[in-house]
């Protein structure tokens, strides 16, 4: 699809570049986001990439809709076709996979005809791309899980999912950075803080980065601050 740029408010716009989701597009959007921030500097409040689009919040006294539109239309084609270099950061997150912290682990294994160890192997055996960040501060949508463990969300969300819970929803996986309601299938818990409002940056990852999961035992989980 051709690029489409629409105003969202008097100081924000959204740039649509495709109607098809793929990991290479997400990587290109991440690079384009960096370029927008570098080009416009303090005229930009925030640039938020997602699966097929970018939301730009800008200072209307420092830059206008027409200037942003012209720049994006002129520069996106080179990002859309340029080779992808291995520039993304890779972050390895420790996870304690055990029913004590993951009430869906055993039911998911049974449903899929797998052992718990096989579920863990399949979850830790993938590299995941940060596709989008939203729903809650620091909540990164990661794709894609091994099809053998892909599973729908719960029909009825839980009122509270514990901070650090590692879940699966369809072909995506994620870590809950805060205690929050949620409907993902919980298979483990990560003891690492993934959102700190006082830190710069507030999150250890951004869209386009690569995430790996590493299984840890109970003693290591507790030593790292995890709670059972």
N, C-alpha and C. Protein backbone atom coordinates (compact mmCIF):
# COMPACT_ATOMS: atom_id res chain seq x y z
N UNK A 1 0.83 -1.19 0.00
CA UNK A 1 0.00 0.00 0.00
C UNK A 1 0.88 1.25 0.00
N UNK A 2 0.41 2.34 -0.63
CA UNK A 2 1.18 3.58 -0.56
C UNK A 2 1.12 4.16 0.85
N UNK A 3 2.15 4.92 1.21
CA UNK A 3 2.17 5.57 2.52
C UNK A 3 0.94 6.46 2.68
N UNK A 4 0.37 6.40 3.89
CA UNK A 4 -0.77 7.25 4.22
C UNK A 4 -0.48 7.96 5.53
N UNK A 5 -0.59 9.29 5.54
CA UNK A 5 -0.31 10.08 6.74
C UNK A 5 -1.56 10.85 7.12
N UNK A 6 -2.02 10.64 8.35
CA UNK A 6 -3.26 11.25 8.81
C UNK A 6 -3.03 12.01 10.11
N UNK A 7 -3.62 13.20 10.25
CA UNK A 7 -3.55 13.90 11.54
C UNK A 7 -4.41 13.19 12.58
N UNK A 8 -3.91 13.12 13.80
CA UNK A 8 -4.65 12.52 14.91
C UNK A 8 -5.20 13.61 15.82
N UNK A 9 -4.43 14.68 15.96
CA UNK A 9 -4.84 15.86 16.74
C UNK A 9 -4.08 17.05 16.18
N UNK A 10 -4.16 18.18 16.87
CA UNK A 10 -3.45 19.37 16.40
C UNK A 10 -1.94 19.25 16.57
N UNK A 11 -1.49 18.21 17.28
CA UNK A 11 -0.04 18.06 17.49
C UNK A 11 0.42 16.61 17.36
N UNK A 12 -0.30 15.81 16.62
CA UNK A 12 0.13 14.43 16.39
C UNK A 12 -0.39 13.92 15.05
N UNK A 13 0.34 12.98 14.50
CA UNK A 13 -0.06 12.36 13.24
C UNK A 13 0.34 10.90 13.28
N UNK A 14 -0.26 10.13 12.40
CA UNK A 14 0.10 8.72 12.29
C UNK A 14 0.47 8.41 10.85
N UNK A 15 1.56 7.68 10.71
CA UNK A 15 2.10 7.32 9.40
C UNK A 15 1.85 5.83 9.17
N UNK A 16 1.02 5.49 8.19
CA UNK A 16 0.77 4.09 7.83
C UNK A 16 1.64 3.74 6.62
N UNK A 17 2.36 2.64 6.70
CA UNK A 17 3.24 2.27 5.59
C UNK A 17 2.88 0.93 4.95
N UNK A 18 2.05 0.14 5.60
CA UNK A 18 1.70 -1.17 5.05
C UNK A 18 0.45 -1.69 5.73
N UNK A 19 -0.19 -2.66 5.09
CA UNK A 19 -1.30 -3.35 5.74
C UNK A 19 -0.96 -4.81 6.00
N UNK A 20 0.33 -5.16 5.86
CA UNK A 20 0.79 -6.51 6.13
C UNK A 20 1.89 -6.48 7.19
N UNK A 21 1.78 -7.35 8.18
CA UNK A 21 2.76 -7.40 9.27
C UNK A 21 3.87 -8.39 8.92
N UNK A 22 5.12 -7.94 9.05
CA UNK A 22 6.25 -8.87 8.97
C UNK A 22 7.41 -8.28 9.77
N UNK A 23 8.32 -9.15 10.19
CA UNK A 23 9.39 -8.72 11.10
C UNK A 23 10.38 -7.78 10.44
N UNK A 24 10.60 -7.92 9.14
CA UNK A 24 11.52 -7.00 8.47
C UNK A 24 10.93 -5.59 8.42
N UNK A 25 9.62 -5.48 8.25
CA UNK A 25 8.98 -4.17 8.27
C UNK A 25 9.13 -3.52 9.64
N UNK A 26 8.96 -4.30 10.70
CA UNK A 26 9.10 -3.77 12.06
C UNK A 26 10.51 -3.23 12.28
N UNK A 27 11.52 -3.95 11.78
CA UNK A 27 12.90 -3.48 11.91
C UNK A 27 13.11 -2.18 11.15
N UNK A 28 12.51 -2.06 9.97
CA UNK A 28 12.64 -0.83 9.19
C UNK A 28 11.93 0.34 9.86
N UNK A 29 10.77 0.07 10.44
CA UNK A 29 10.05 1.13 11.17
C UNK A 29 10.86 1.61 12.37
N UNK A 30 11.56 0.69 13.02
CA UNK A 30 12.41 1.08 14.16
C UNK A 30 13.52 2.02 13.69
N UNK A 31 14.15 1.71 12.57
CA UNK A 31 15.20 2.57 12.03
C UNK A 31 14.64 3.91 11.58
N UNK A 32 13.46 3.90 10.98
CA UNK A 32 12.82 5.14 10.53
C UNK A 32 12.47 6.02 11.73
N UNK A 33 12.05 5.39 12.82
CA UNK A 33 11.77 6.13 14.06
C UNK A 33 13.02 6.87 14.53
N UNK A 34 14.15 6.18 14.55
CA UNK A 34 15.41 6.82 14.96
C UNK A 34 15.75 8.00 14.06
N UNK A 35 15.49 7.84 12.77
CA UNK A 35 15.80 8.91 11.82
C UNK A 35 14.91 10.13 12.03
N UNK A 36 13.64 9.90 12.33
CA UNK A 36 12.72 11.01 12.60
C UNK A 36 13.18 11.78 13.83
N UNK A 37 13.54 11.05 14.88
CA UNK A 37 13.99 11.70 16.11
C UNK A 37 15.27 12.50 15.88
N UNK A 38 16.18 11.95 15.08
CA UNK A 38 17.43 12.64 14.80
C UNK A 38 17.20 13.88 13.94
N UNK A 39 16.28 13.80 13.00
CA UNK A 39 16.03 14.92 12.09
C UNK A 39 15.34 16.09 12.78
N UNK A 40 14.36 15.80 13.63
CA UNK A 40 13.52 16.87 14.17
C UNK A 40 13.83 17.23 15.62
N UNK A 41 14.60 16.40 16.30
CA UNK A 41 15.10 16.74 17.64
C UNK A 41 14.03 17.19 18.61
N UNK A 42 14.21 18.37 19.19
CA UNK A 42 13.32 18.87 20.24
C UNK A 42 11.94 19.25 19.71
N UNK A 43 11.77 19.27 18.41
CA UNK A 43 10.45 19.54 17.85
C UNK A 43 9.51 18.34 18.00
N UNK A 44 10.08 17.20 18.39
CA UNK A 44 9.31 15.97 18.55
C UNK A 44 9.20 15.61 20.03
N UNK A 45 7.97 15.39 20.50
CA UNK A 45 7.77 14.93 21.86
C UNK A 45 7.98 13.42 21.97
N UNK A 46 7.44 12.69 21.01
CA UNK A 46 7.52 11.22 21.06
C UNK A 46 7.28 10.65 19.68
N UNK A 47 7.92 9.53 19.40
CA UNK A 47 7.69 8.77 18.17
C UNK A 47 7.47 7.32 18.59
N UNK A 48 6.30 6.79 18.25
CA UNK A 48 5.91 5.46 18.74
C UNK A 48 5.66 4.53 17.56
N UNK A 49 6.61 3.65 17.26
CA UNK A 49 6.40 2.69 16.17
C UNK A 49 5.54 1.52 16.62
N UNK A 50 4.84 0.93 15.67
CA UNK A 50 4.05 -0.27 15.93
C UNK A 50 4.25 -1.24 14.77
N UNK A 51 3.30 -2.13 14.56
CA UNK A 51 3.48 -3.20 13.57
C UNK A 51 3.59 -2.67 12.14
N UNK A 52 2.74 -1.71 11.79
CA UNK A 52 2.71 -1.20 10.41
C UNK A 52 2.63 0.32 10.35
N UNK A 53 2.85 0.99 11.46
CA UNK A 53 2.66 2.44 11.50
C UNK A 53 3.56 3.08 12.54
N UNK A 54 3.61 4.42 12.49
CA UNK A 54 4.34 5.21 13.48
C UNK A 54 3.46 6.38 13.90
N UNK A 55 3.32 6.58 15.20
CA UNK A 55 2.62 7.74 15.74
C UNK A 55 3.66 8.79 16.12
N UNK A 56 3.48 10.02 15.65
CA UNK A 56 4.41 11.10 15.94
C UNK A 56 3.69 12.20 16.71
N UNK A 57 4.15 12.48 17.92
CA UNK A 57 3.66 13.62 18.71
C UNK A 57 4.69 14.74 18.58
N UNK A 58 4.25 15.92 18.15
CA UNK A 58 5.21 16.98 17.85
C UNK A 58 4.81 18.31 18.48
N UNK A 59 5.77 19.22 18.55
CA UNK A 59 5.56 20.57 19.09
C UNK A 59 5.07 21.46 17.94
N UNK A 60 3.80 21.87 17.94
CA UNK A 60 3.26 22.60 16.79
C UNK A 60 3.88 23.98 16.57
N UNK A 61 4.59 24.50 17.56
CA UNK A 61 5.27 25.79 17.38
C UNK A 61 6.67 25.63 16.80
N UNK A 62 7.14 24.38 16.72
CA UNK A 62 8.50 24.13 16.22
C UNK A 62 8.51 23.38 14.88
N UNK A 63 7.45 22.68 14.59
CA UNK A 63 7.34 21.97 13.31
C UNK A 63 5.86 21.80 13.00
N UNK A 64 5.53 21.73 11.73
CA UNK A 64 4.12 21.60 11.37
C UNK A 64 3.85 20.30 10.63
N UNK A 65 2.57 20.03 10.45
CA UNK A 65 2.13 18.79 9.80
C UNK A 65 2.71 18.67 8.39
N UNK A 66 2.70 19.76 7.66
CA UNK A 66 3.17 19.71 6.27
C UNK A 66 4.65 19.34 6.20
N UNK A 67 5.46 19.90 7.08
CA UNK A 67 6.90 19.62 7.07
C UNK A 67 7.17 18.15 7.40
N UNK A 68 6.47 17.64 8.41
CA UNK A 68 6.64 16.24 8.79
C UNK A 68 6.19 15.31 7.66
N UNK A 69 5.05 15.65 7.07
CA UNK A 69 4.52 14.83 5.98
C UNK A 69 5.49 14.79 4.80
N UNK A 70 5.99 15.95 4.41
CA UNK A 70 6.92 16.03 3.28
C UNK A 70 8.18 15.22 3.55
N UNK A 71 8.72 15.34 4.76
CA UNK A 71 9.95 14.62 5.09
C UNK A 71 9.72 13.11 5.08
N UNK A 72 8.64 12.67 5.71
CA UNK A 72 8.35 11.23 5.77
C UNK A 72 8.13 10.64 4.38
N UNK A 73 7.39 11.36 3.54
CA UNK A 73 7.13 10.87 2.18
C UNK A 73 8.42 10.80 1.36
N UNK A 74 9.33 11.73 1.61
CA UNK A 74 10.57 11.76 0.84
C UNK A 74 11.56 10.69 1.29
N UNK A 75 11.56 10.35 2.58
CA UNK A 75 12.61 9.48 3.11
C UNK A 75 12.20 8.03 3.37
N UNK A 76 10.91 7.75 3.56
CA UNK A 76 10.52 6.38 3.84
C UNK A 76 10.91 5.41 2.72
N UNK A 77 10.76 5.76 1.44
CA UNK A 77 11.10 4.77 0.40
C UNK A 77 12.50 4.19 0.53
N UNK A 78 13.47 4.98 0.95
CA UNK A 78 14.83 4.44 1.10
C UNK A 78 14.92 3.47 2.26
N UNK A 79 14.17 3.72 3.34
CA UNK A 79 14.15 2.79 4.47
C UNK A 79 13.39 1.51 4.11
N UNK A 80 12.37 1.64 3.28
CA UNK A 80 11.54 0.49 2.92
C UNK A 80 12.28 -0.52 2.07
N UNK A 81 13.33 -0.07 1.38
CA UNK A 81 14.03 -0.96 0.45
C UNK A 81 15.50 -1.22 0.80
N UNK A 82 16.02 -0.51 1.79
CA UNK A 82 17.44 -0.66 2.12
C UNK A 82 17.71 -1.99 2.81
N UNK A 83 18.92 -2.54 2.67
CA UNK A 83 19.26 -3.80 3.35
C UNK A 83 19.18 -3.64 4.86
N UNK A 84 18.82 -4.71 5.53
CA UNK A 84 18.74 -4.69 6.99
C UNK A 84 20.07 -5.14 7.57
N UNK A 85 20.68 -4.31 8.35
CA UNK A 85 21.92 -4.66 9.04
C UNK A 85 21.61 -5.16 10.44
N UNK A 86 22.49 -5.93 11.01
CA UNK A 86 22.28 -6.48 12.36
C UNK A 86 22.63 -5.42 13.40
N UNK A 87 21.73 -4.41 13.52
CA UNK A 87 21.99 -3.31 14.44
C UNK A 87 21.11 -3.36 15.69
N UNK A 88 20.15 -4.27 15.72
CA UNK A 88 19.25 -4.34 16.86
C UNK A 88 19.97 -4.86 18.10
N UNK A 89 19.59 -4.34 19.25
CA UNK A 89 20.12 -4.84 20.51
C UNK A 89 19.49 -6.19 20.83
N UNK A 90 20.24 -7.04 21.52
CA UNK A 90 19.72 -8.33 21.97
C UNK A 90 19.76 -8.37 23.48
N UNK A 91 18.62 -8.72 24.08
CA UNK A 91 18.49 -8.78 25.53
C UNK A 91 18.05 -10.19 25.92
N UNK A 92 18.75 -10.79 26.88
CA UNK A 92 18.36 -12.11 27.39
C UNK A 92 17.69 -11.94 28.74
N UNK A 93 16.48 -12.46 28.86
CA UNK A 93 15.71 -12.33 30.09
C UNK A 93 15.63 -13.68 30.80
N UNK A 94 15.95 -13.73 32.10
CA UNK A 94 15.82 -14.97 32.87
C UNK A 94 14.36 -15.24 33.22
N UNK A 95 13.97 -16.49 33.13
CA UNK A 95 12.58 -16.86 33.44
C UNK A 95 12.57 -18.13 34.27
N UNK A 96 11.77 -18.10 35.33
CA UNK A 96 11.51 -19.30 36.13
C UNK A 96 10.23 -19.91 35.61
N UNK A 97 10.34 -21.05 34.96
CA UNK A 97 9.19 -21.77 34.41
C UNK A 97 8.77 -22.83 35.42
N UNK A 98 7.71 -22.57 36.15
CA UNK A 98 7.25 -23.53 37.16
C UNK A 98 5.80 -23.21 37.52
N UNK A 99 4.98 -24.24 37.80
CA UNK A 99 3.59 -24.00 38.18
C UNK A 99 3.43 -23.09 39.40
N UNK A 100 4.45 -23.00 40.26
CA UNK A 100 4.35 -22.11 41.42
C UNK A 100 4.14 -20.65 41.01
N UNK A 101 4.62 -20.28 39.83
CA UNK A 101 4.49 -18.90 39.36
C UNK A 101 3.76 -18.82 38.02
N UNK A 102 3.32 -19.96 37.51
CA UNK A 102 2.74 -20.00 36.16
C UNK A 102 1.63 -21.03 36.11
N UNK A 103 0.43 -20.59 36.42
CA UNK A 103 -0.67 -21.54 36.55
C UNK A 103 -1.13 -22.13 35.22
N UNK A 104 -0.70 -21.56 34.10
CA UNK A 104 -1.12 -22.11 32.81
C UNK A 104 -0.07 -23.03 32.19
N UNK A 105 1.08 -23.19 32.83
CA UNK A 105 2.16 -23.96 32.22
C UNK A 105 1.77 -25.42 32.01
N UNK A 106 1.32 -26.07 33.05
CA UNK A 106 0.95 -27.49 32.92
C UNK A 106 -0.29 -27.69 32.05
N UNK A 107 -1.36 -26.87 32.22
CA UNK A 107 -2.50 -27.04 31.32
C UNK A 107 -2.16 -26.83 29.85
N UNK A 108 -1.28 -25.86 29.57
CA UNK A 108 -0.88 -25.63 28.18
C UNK A 108 -0.12 -26.82 27.62
N UNK A 109 0.80 -27.36 28.42
CA UNK A 109 1.56 -28.53 27.98
C UNK A 109 0.63 -29.70 27.66
N UNK A 110 -0.33 -29.93 28.55
CA UNK A 110 -1.28 -31.03 28.34
C UNK A 110 -2.12 -30.80 27.08
N UNK A 111 -2.58 -29.56 26.91
CA UNK A 111 -3.41 -29.22 25.75
C UNK A 111 -2.66 -29.45 24.44
N UNK A 112 -1.36 -29.17 24.45
CA UNK A 112 -0.56 -29.27 23.23
C UNK A 112 0.07 -30.65 23.05
N UNK A 113 -0.15 -31.55 24.00
CA UNK A 113 0.45 -32.88 23.91
C UNK A 113 1.95 -32.86 24.09
N UNK A 114 2.42 -31.94 24.93
CA UNK A 114 3.85 -31.79 25.19
C UNK A 114 4.13 -31.96 26.67
N UNK A 115 5.38 -32.22 27.00
CA UNK A 115 5.79 -32.17 28.40
C UNK A 115 6.07 -30.71 28.76
N UNK A 116 6.13 -30.43 30.06
CA UNK A 116 6.47 -29.08 30.50
C UNK A 116 7.86 -28.70 29.98
N UNK A 117 8.79 -29.64 30.04
CA UNK A 117 10.15 -29.36 29.55
C UNK A 117 10.14 -29.01 28.06
N UNK A 118 9.28 -29.65 27.30
CA UNK A 118 9.21 -29.35 25.87
C UNK A 118 8.65 -27.95 25.62
N UNK A 119 7.67 -27.55 26.42
CA UNK A 119 7.14 -26.19 26.30
C UNK A 119 8.25 -25.18 26.58
N UNK A 120 9.01 -25.44 27.65
CA UNK A 120 10.11 -24.54 28.02
C UNK A 120 11.15 -24.48 26.90
N UNK A 121 11.50 -25.64 26.36
CA UNK A 121 12.50 -25.68 25.28
C UNK A 121 12.03 -24.89 24.06
N UNK A 122 10.76 -25.00 23.74
CA UNK A 122 10.25 -24.28 22.57
C UNK A 122 10.18 -22.78 22.83
N UNK A 123 9.87 -22.39 24.07
CA UNK A 123 9.79 -20.96 24.37
C UNK A 123 11.18 -20.33 24.42
N UNK A 124 12.14 -21.04 24.98
CA UNK A 124 13.50 -20.50 25.07
C UNK A 124 14.30 -20.69 23.78
N UNK A 125 13.78 -21.51 22.88
CA UNK A 125 14.51 -21.81 21.65
C UNK A 125 14.34 -20.79 20.55
N UNK A 126 13.50 -19.79 20.76
CA UNK A 126 13.24 -18.78 19.75
C UNK A 126 13.95 -17.47 20.07
N UNK A 127 14.23 -16.69 19.04
CA UNK A 127 14.57 -15.28 19.21
C UNK A 127 13.33 -14.48 18.85
N UNK A 128 13.01 -13.49 19.68
CA UNK A 128 11.78 -12.72 19.49
C UNK A 128 12.10 -11.27 19.16
N UNK A 129 11.29 -10.69 18.28
CA UNK A 129 11.43 -9.28 17.94
C UNK A 129 10.42 -8.46 18.73
N UNK A 130 10.86 -7.34 19.29
CA UNK A 130 9.94 -6.40 19.94
C UNK A 130 9.15 -5.72 18.83
N UNK A 131 7.88 -6.09 18.71
CA UNK A 131 7.04 -5.59 17.62
C UNK A 131 6.33 -4.29 17.97
N UNK A 132 5.96 -4.14 19.22
CA UNK A 132 5.25 -2.94 19.68
C UNK A 132 5.34 -2.89 21.19
N UNK A 133 5.16 -1.69 21.74
CA UNK A 133 5.14 -1.51 23.19
C UNK A 133 3.87 -0.76 23.54
N UNK A 134 3.06 -1.34 24.42
CA UNK A 134 1.80 -0.71 24.77
C UNK A 134 1.02 -1.55 25.75
N UNK A 135 -0.28 -1.26 25.88
CA UNK A 135 -1.19 -1.90 26.83
C UNK A 135 -0.89 -1.44 28.24
N UNK A 136 0.36 -1.57 28.67
CA UNK A 136 0.84 -1.06 29.96
C UNK A 136 2.26 -0.56 29.74
N UNK A 137 2.75 0.37 30.54
CA UNK A 137 4.12 0.86 30.37
C UNK A 137 5.14 -0.28 30.43
N UNK A 138 5.95 -0.40 29.39
CA UNK A 138 6.96 -1.45 29.36
C UNK A 138 6.48 -2.80 28.89
N UNK A 139 5.22 -2.89 28.46
CA UNK A 139 4.68 -4.17 27.97
C UNK A 139 5.05 -4.31 26.50
N UNK A 140 5.97 -5.22 26.21
CA UNK A 140 6.46 -5.41 24.84
C UNK A 140 5.80 -6.62 24.20
N UNK A 141 5.19 -6.41 23.06
CA UNK A 141 4.62 -7.51 22.28
C UNK A 141 5.74 -8.14 21.46
N UNK A 142 6.00 -9.42 21.70
CA UNK A 142 7.13 -10.11 21.08
C UNK A 142 6.64 -11.17 20.11
N UNK A 143 7.24 -11.22 18.94
CA UNK A 143 6.86 -12.23 17.97
C UNK A 143 8.08 -12.90 17.37
N UNK A 144 7.89 -14.16 17.00
CA UNK A 144 6.69 -14.97 17.14
C UNK A 144 7.06 -16.26 17.85
N UNK A 145 6.10 -16.83 18.60
CA UNK A 145 6.38 -18.07 19.32
C UNK A 145 6.36 -19.26 18.36
N UNK A 146 6.98 -20.34 18.78
CA UNK A 146 6.91 -21.60 18.03
C UNK A 146 5.43 -21.97 17.87
N UNK A 147 4.98 -22.30 16.66
CA UNK A 147 3.57 -22.64 16.45
C UNK A 147 3.07 -23.75 17.37
N UNK A 148 3.97 -24.61 17.82
CA UNK A 148 3.56 -25.74 18.67
C UNK A 148 3.06 -25.28 20.03
N UNK A 149 3.40 -24.06 20.46
CA UNK A 149 2.93 -23.57 21.76
C UNK A 149 2.08 -22.31 21.63
N UNK A 150 1.76 -21.91 20.40
CA UNK A 150 0.86 -20.77 20.21
C UNK A 150 -0.52 -21.13 20.75
N UNK A 151 -1.13 -20.21 21.48
CA UNK A 151 -2.41 -20.50 22.13
C UNK A 151 -3.20 -19.22 22.34
N UNK A 152 -4.53 -19.27 22.24
CA UNK A 152 -5.32 -18.05 22.40
C UNK A 152 -5.28 -17.51 23.83
N UNK A 153 -5.64 -16.25 23.96
CA UNK A 153 -5.84 -15.65 25.28
C UNK A 153 -6.97 -16.38 26.00
N UNK A 154 -7.02 -16.21 27.31
CA UNK A 154 -8.16 -16.70 28.07
C UNK A 154 -9.43 -15.96 27.63
N UNK A 155 -10.53 -16.67 27.56
CA UNK A 155 -11.79 -16.04 27.20
C UNK A 155 -12.20 -15.00 28.23
N UNK A 156 -11.87 -15.26 29.50
CA UNK A 156 -12.16 -14.31 30.58
C UNK A 156 -10.84 -13.90 31.22
N UNK A 157 -10.42 -12.64 31.05
CA UNK A 157 -9.15 -12.20 31.63
C UNK A 157 -9.15 -12.29 33.15
N UNK A 158 -7.98 -12.50 33.72
CA UNK A 158 -7.82 -12.47 35.17
C UNK A 158 -7.83 -11.03 35.66
N UNK A 159 -8.32 -10.83 36.87
CA UNK A 159 -8.36 -9.49 37.43
C UNK A 159 -6.97 -8.98 37.76
N UNK A 160 -6.04 -9.90 38.07
CA UNK A 160 -4.67 -9.47 38.32
C UNK A 160 -3.68 -10.54 37.86
N UNK A 161 -2.73 -10.10 37.08
CA UNK A 161 -1.60 -10.93 36.67
C UNK A 161 -0.37 -10.33 37.33
N UNK A 162 0.44 -11.16 37.96
CA UNK A 162 1.59 -10.66 38.73
C UNK A 162 2.67 -10.07 37.84
N UNK A 163 3.32 -9.05 38.36
CA UNK A 163 4.48 -8.45 37.71
C UNK A 163 5.51 -9.54 37.37
N UNK A 164 6.05 -9.47 36.18
CA UNK A 164 7.05 -10.45 35.75
C UNK A 164 6.48 -11.67 35.06
N UNK A 165 5.16 -11.83 35.09
CA UNK A 165 4.56 -13.00 34.46
C UNK A 165 4.86 -13.03 32.96
N UNK A 166 5.25 -14.20 32.48
CA UNK A 166 5.55 -14.39 31.07
C UNK A 166 4.37 -15.12 30.44
N UNK A 167 3.78 -14.52 29.42
CA UNK A 167 2.58 -15.08 28.86
C UNK A 167 2.65 -15.30 27.36
N UNK A 168 1.71 -16.08 26.88
CA UNK A 168 1.54 -16.32 25.44
C UNK A 168 0.11 -15.97 25.06
N UNK A 169 -0.04 -15.29 23.93
CA UNK A 169 -1.35 -15.01 23.37
C UNK A 169 -1.25 -15.17 21.85
N UNK A 170 -1.88 -16.19 21.33
CA UNK A 170 -1.77 -16.52 19.91
C UNK A 170 -0.29 -16.73 19.56
N UNK A 171 0.25 -15.97 18.63
CA UNK A 171 1.64 -16.18 18.21
C UNK A 171 2.60 -15.23 18.90
N UNK A 172 2.12 -14.52 19.90
CA UNK A 172 2.96 -13.55 20.59
C UNK A 172 3.27 -14.00 22.02
N UNK A 173 4.35 -13.46 22.56
CA UNK A 173 4.68 -13.67 23.96
C UNK A 173 5.04 -12.32 24.55
N UNK A 174 5.01 -12.22 25.88
CA UNK A 174 5.27 -10.94 26.54
C UNK A 174 5.55 -11.17 28.01
N UNK A 175 6.16 -10.16 28.63
CA UNK A 175 6.38 -10.14 30.08
C UNK A 175 5.57 -8.99 30.66
N UNK A 176 4.73 -9.29 31.64
CA UNK A 176 3.97 -8.23 32.31
C UNK A 176 4.92 -7.42 33.19
N UNK A 177 5.12 -6.13 32.91
CA UNK A 177 6.07 -5.34 33.69
C UNK A 177 5.51 -4.85 35.02
N UNK A 178 4.19 -4.94 35.17
CA UNK A 178 3.52 -4.46 36.38
C UNK A 178 2.39 -5.42 36.73
N UNK A 179 1.92 -5.37 37.98
CA UNK A 179 0.68 -6.07 38.33
C UNK A 179 -0.46 -5.43 37.55
N UNK A 180 -1.20 -6.22 36.80
CA UNK A 180 -2.26 -5.66 35.98
C UNK A 180 -3.25 -6.75 35.59
N UNK A 181 -4.49 -6.40 35.28
CA UNK A 181 -5.38 -7.40 34.70
C UNK A 181 -4.82 -7.90 33.37
N UNK A 182 -5.18 -9.12 33.00
CA UNK A 182 -4.67 -9.64 31.73
C UNK A 182 -5.21 -11.01 31.41
N UNK A 183 -5.18 -11.36 30.13
CA UNK A 183 -5.75 -12.62 29.71
C UNK A 183 -4.79 -13.58 29.03
N UNK A 184 -3.48 -13.27 29.08
CA UNK A 184 -2.52 -14.15 28.42
C UNK A 184 -2.30 -15.42 29.22
N UNK A 185 -1.89 -16.49 28.54
CA UNK A 185 -1.60 -17.77 29.18
C UNK A 185 -0.22 -17.69 29.84
N UNK A 186 -0.17 -17.81 31.16
CA UNK A 186 1.06 -17.56 31.92
C UNK A 186 1.87 -18.85 32.05
N UNK A 187 3.15 -18.78 31.58
CA UNK A 187 4.00 -19.98 31.60
C UNK A 187 5.28 -19.81 32.41
N UNK A 188 5.50 -18.63 32.98
CA UNK A 188 6.72 -18.42 33.76
C UNK A 188 6.72 -17.04 34.38
N UNK A 189 7.84 -16.71 35.05
CA UNK A 189 7.98 -15.38 35.65
C UNK A 189 9.42 -14.90 35.52
N UNK A 190 9.56 -13.64 35.14
CA UNK A 190 10.88 -13.01 34.98
C UNK A 190 11.12 -12.06 36.15
N UNK A 191 12.21 -12.23 36.91
CA UNK A 191 12.44 -11.41 38.10
C UNK A 191 13.07 -10.04 37.81
N UNK A 192 13.29 -9.72 36.54
CA UNK A 192 13.96 -8.47 36.17
C UNK A 192 12.93 -7.34 36.02
N UNK A 193 13.22 -6.16 36.56
CA UNK A 193 12.36 -4.99 36.35
C UNK A 193 12.50 -4.52 34.91
N UNK A 194 11.37 -4.39 34.22
CA UNK A 194 11.40 -4.00 32.82
C UNK A 194 10.87 -2.59 32.58
N UNK A 195 10.44 -1.92 33.65
CA UNK A 195 9.99 -0.54 33.51
C UNK A 195 10.32 0.22 34.78
N UNK A 196 11.02 1.35 34.61
CA UNK A 196 11.38 2.21 35.73
C UNK A 196 11.20 3.65 35.27
N UNK A 197 10.18 4.32 35.79
CA UNK A 197 9.84 5.66 35.33
C UNK A 197 10.95 6.67 35.61
N UNK A 198 11.82 6.36 36.58
CA UNK A 198 12.90 7.28 36.94
C UNK A 198 14.19 7.01 36.16
N UNK A 199 14.22 5.93 35.41
CA UNK A 199 15.44 5.58 34.67
C UNK A 199 15.42 6.19 33.27
N UNK A 200 16.60 6.33 32.69
CA UNK A 200 16.73 6.78 31.31
C UNK A 200 17.67 5.83 30.57
N UNK A 201 17.14 5.06 29.62
CA UNK A 201 15.74 4.96 29.24
C UNK A 201 14.91 4.20 30.28
N UNK A 202 13.59 4.35 30.20
CA UNK A 202 12.72 3.72 31.19
C UNK A 202 12.59 2.22 30.98
N UNK A 203 12.93 1.75 29.77
CA UNK A 203 12.84 0.32 29.44
C UNK A 203 14.16 -0.14 28.85
N UNK A 204 14.53 -1.39 29.04
CA UNK A 204 15.81 -1.89 28.50
C UNK A 204 15.74 -2.31 27.04
N UNK A 205 14.61 -2.05 26.38
CA UNK A 205 14.44 -2.45 24.98
C UNK A 205 13.60 -1.40 24.26
N UNK A 206 13.60 -1.51 22.94
CA UNK A 206 12.74 -0.67 22.11
C UNK A 206 12.26 -1.50 20.92
N UNK A 207 11.31 -0.99 20.20
CA UNK A 207 10.79 -1.71 19.03
C UNK A 207 11.94 -2.00 18.06
N UNK A 208 11.97 -3.25 17.59
CA UNK A 208 13.02 -3.70 16.68
C UNK A 208 14.11 -4.49 17.36
N UNK A 209 14.21 -4.39 18.69
CA UNK A 209 15.22 -5.15 19.43
C UNK A 209 14.87 -6.64 19.45
N UNK A 210 15.86 -7.45 19.83
CA UNK A 210 15.69 -8.90 19.90
C UNK A 210 15.71 -9.35 21.36
N UNK A 211 14.78 -10.23 21.71
CA UNK A 211 14.68 -10.77 23.08
C UNK A 211 14.86 -12.28 23.04
N UNK A 212 15.65 -12.79 23.96
CA UNK A 212 15.75 -14.23 24.19
C UNK A 212 15.37 -14.51 25.64
N UNK A 213 14.85 -15.70 25.89
CA UNK A 213 14.52 -16.12 27.25
C UNK A 213 15.44 -17.25 27.66
N UNK A 214 15.85 -17.22 28.93
CA UNK A 214 16.75 -18.24 29.49
C UNK A 214 16.12 -18.82 30.75
N UNK A 215 15.97 -20.12 30.79
CA UNK A 215 15.36 -20.77 31.96
C UNK A 215 16.32 -20.73 33.15
N UNK A 216 15.77 -20.39 34.33
CA UNK A 216 16.55 -20.39 35.57
C UNK A 216 15.84 -21.25 36.60
N UNK A 217 16.59 -21.68 37.63
CA UNK A 217 15.98 -22.51 38.66
C UNK A 217 15.39 -21.63 39.77
N UNK A 218 14.73 -22.28 40.71
CA UNK A 218 14.04 -21.57 41.79
C UNK A 218 15.01 -20.73 42.62
N UNK A 219 16.17 -21.30 42.97
CA UNK A 219 17.12 -20.59 43.81
C UNK A 219 17.60 -19.31 43.14
N UNK A 220 17.89 -19.40 41.85
CA UNK A 220 18.34 -18.21 41.11
C UNK A 220 17.23 -17.19 41.01
N UNK A 221 16.02 -17.65 40.78
CA UNK A 221 14.86 -16.77 40.69
C UNK A 221 14.68 -15.98 41.98
N UNK A 222 14.76 -16.66 43.12
CA UNK A 222 14.61 -15.98 44.41
C UNK A 222 15.77 -15.04 44.67
N UNK A 223 16.97 -15.46 44.31
CA UNK A 223 18.15 -14.63 44.52
C UNK A 223 18.06 -13.33 43.71
N UNK A 224 17.41 -13.40 42.55
CA UNK A 224 17.29 -12.22 41.69
C UNK A 224 16.11 -11.34 42.07
N UNK A 225 15.42 -11.70 43.15
CA UNK A 225 14.31 -10.87 43.62
C UNK A 225 12.94 -11.39 43.29
N UNK A 226 12.85 -12.56 42.65
CA UNK A 226 11.56 -13.13 42.33
C UNK A 226 10.80 -13.58 43.57
N UNK A 227 9.49 -13.64 43.45
CA UNK A 227 8.64 -14.05 44.57
C UNK A 227 7.72 -15.17 44.14
N UNK A 228 7.59 -16.15 45.03
CA UNK A 228 6.73 -17.30 44.77
C UNK A 228 5.45 -17.17 45.59
